[in-house]
Amino acid sequence: MSDTKQILNFIIKEKSQGNSFQELNVQMKIMMKGVNVKGILDGNISEELAHTLTEKLKQIAKEFDVDLQKMEYMDADLRGYF
């Protein structure tokens, strides 16, 4: 799984806290910031775009108060949950 997809999944997981309605809400908020959530989740992004999106998602994580440092402590099997 790409770093971009892992970061996106982590932001969604942290903000939604397991609530499926909130998952959709978070995805919409990210889309409103100019990120093609479906494209990332489907794996339909180029390498060049992936780097740009990764940086954008890191900025969004800061805005959403999501600590990406926690990703390092997640079990590798849980990272691919979404």
Protein backbone atom coordinates (compact mmCIF):
# COMPACT_ATOMS: atom_id res chain seq x y z
CA MET A 1 0.00 0.00 0.00
CA SER A 2 1.34 3.41 -0.89
CA ASP A 3 2.27 5.99 1.73
CA THR A 4 -0.42 8.26 0.32
CA LYS A 5 -3.13 5.66 0.86
CA GLN A 6 -1.81 4.80 4.34
CA ILE A 7 -1.87 8.44 5.41
CA LEU A 8 -5.37 8.92 3.99
CA ASN A 9 -6.66 5.80 5.74
CA PHE A 10 -5.06 6.87 9.00
CA ILE A 11 -6.61 10.36 8.87
CA ILE A 12 -10.04 8.86 8.16
CA LYS A 13 -9.66 6.26 10.92
CA GLU A 14 -8.49 8.77 13.53
CA LYS A 15 -11.15 11.37 12.77
CA SER A 16 -14.08 8.96 12.38
CA GLN A 17 -13.33 6.80 15.45
CA GLY A 18 -15.12 3.85 13.85
CA ASN A 19 -18.31 5.72 12.97
CA SER A 20 -19.20 4.96 9.33
CA PHE A 21 -21.13 8.21 8.92
CA GLN A 22 -18.12 10.15 10.16
CA GLU A 23 -15.88 8.24 7.71
CA LEU A 24 -17.94 9.66 4.85
CA ASN A 25 -17.95 13.09 6.48
CA VAL A 26 -14.14 13.10 6.79
CA GLN A 27 -13.77 11.91 3.19
CA MET A 28 -16.00 14.78 2.02
CA LYS A 29 -13.98 17.31 4.01
CA ILE A 30 -10.78 16.01 2.45
CA MET A 31 -12.34 16.13 -1.03
CA MET A 32 -13.36 19.74 -0.40
CA LYS A 33 -9.69 20.49 0.17
CA GLY A 34 -8.93 19.30 -3.37
CA VAL A 35 -7.90 15.68 -2.81
CA ASN A 36 -9.39 12.89 -4.92
CA VAL A 37 -10.12 10.44 -2.11
CA LYS A 38 -11.66 7.78 -4.37
CA GLY A 39 -8.65 7.90 -6.70
CA ILE A 40 -6.27 7.32 -3.81
CA LEU A 41 -8.34 4.53 -2.26
CA ASP A 42 -8.69 2.84 -5.65
CA GLY A 43 -4.95 3.18 -6.28
CA ASN A 44 -5.46 5.26 -9.43
CA ILE A 45 -2.70 7.82 -8.93
CA SER A 46 0.67 8.26 -10.61
CA GLU A 47 3.98 8.33 -8.72
CA GLU A 48 4.42 12.04 -9.45
CA LEU A 49 0.98 12.85 -8.12
CA ALA A 50 1.43 10.56 -5.11
CA HIS A 51 4.25 12.73 -3.74
CA THR A 52 2.19 15.91 -4.09
CA LEU A 53 -0.86 14.26 -2.50
CA THR A 54 1.22 12.89 0.37
CA GLU A 55 2.40 16.41 1.21
CA LYS A 56 -1.16 17.74 0.90
CA LEU A 57 -2.46 14.99 3.21
CA LYS A 58 0.21 15.79 5.78
CA GLN A 59 -1.00 19.39 5.79
CA ILE A 60 -4.62 18.23 6.10
CA ALA A 61 -3.65 15.97 9.02
CA LYS A 62 -2.22 19.02 10.81
CA GLU A 63 -5.40 21.00 10.14
CA PHE A 64 -7.50 18.09 11.47
CA ASP A 65 -5.25 17.68 14.55
CA VAL A 66 -4.28 14.15 13.52
CA ASP A 67 -0.85 13.08 14.78
CA LEU A 68 0.79 11.10 11.98
CA GLN A 69 3.51 10.03 14.40
CA LYS A 70 1.00 7.48 15.73
CA MET A 71 1.13 5.71 12.34
CA GLU A 72 4.60 4.43 13.21
CA TYR A 73 3.18 2.54 16.17
CA MET A 74 0.36 0.87 14.30
CA ASP A 75 0.65 -2.80 13.50
CA ALA A 76 1.46 -3.24 9.79
CA ASP A 77 -1.62 -5.47 9.38
CA LEU A 78 -3.90 -2.73 10.67
CA ARG A 79 -2.53 -0.15 8.21
CA GLY A 80 -4.34 -1.87 5.35
CA TYR A 81 -7.65 -2.02 7.19
CA PHE A 82 -9.52 0.23 4.72
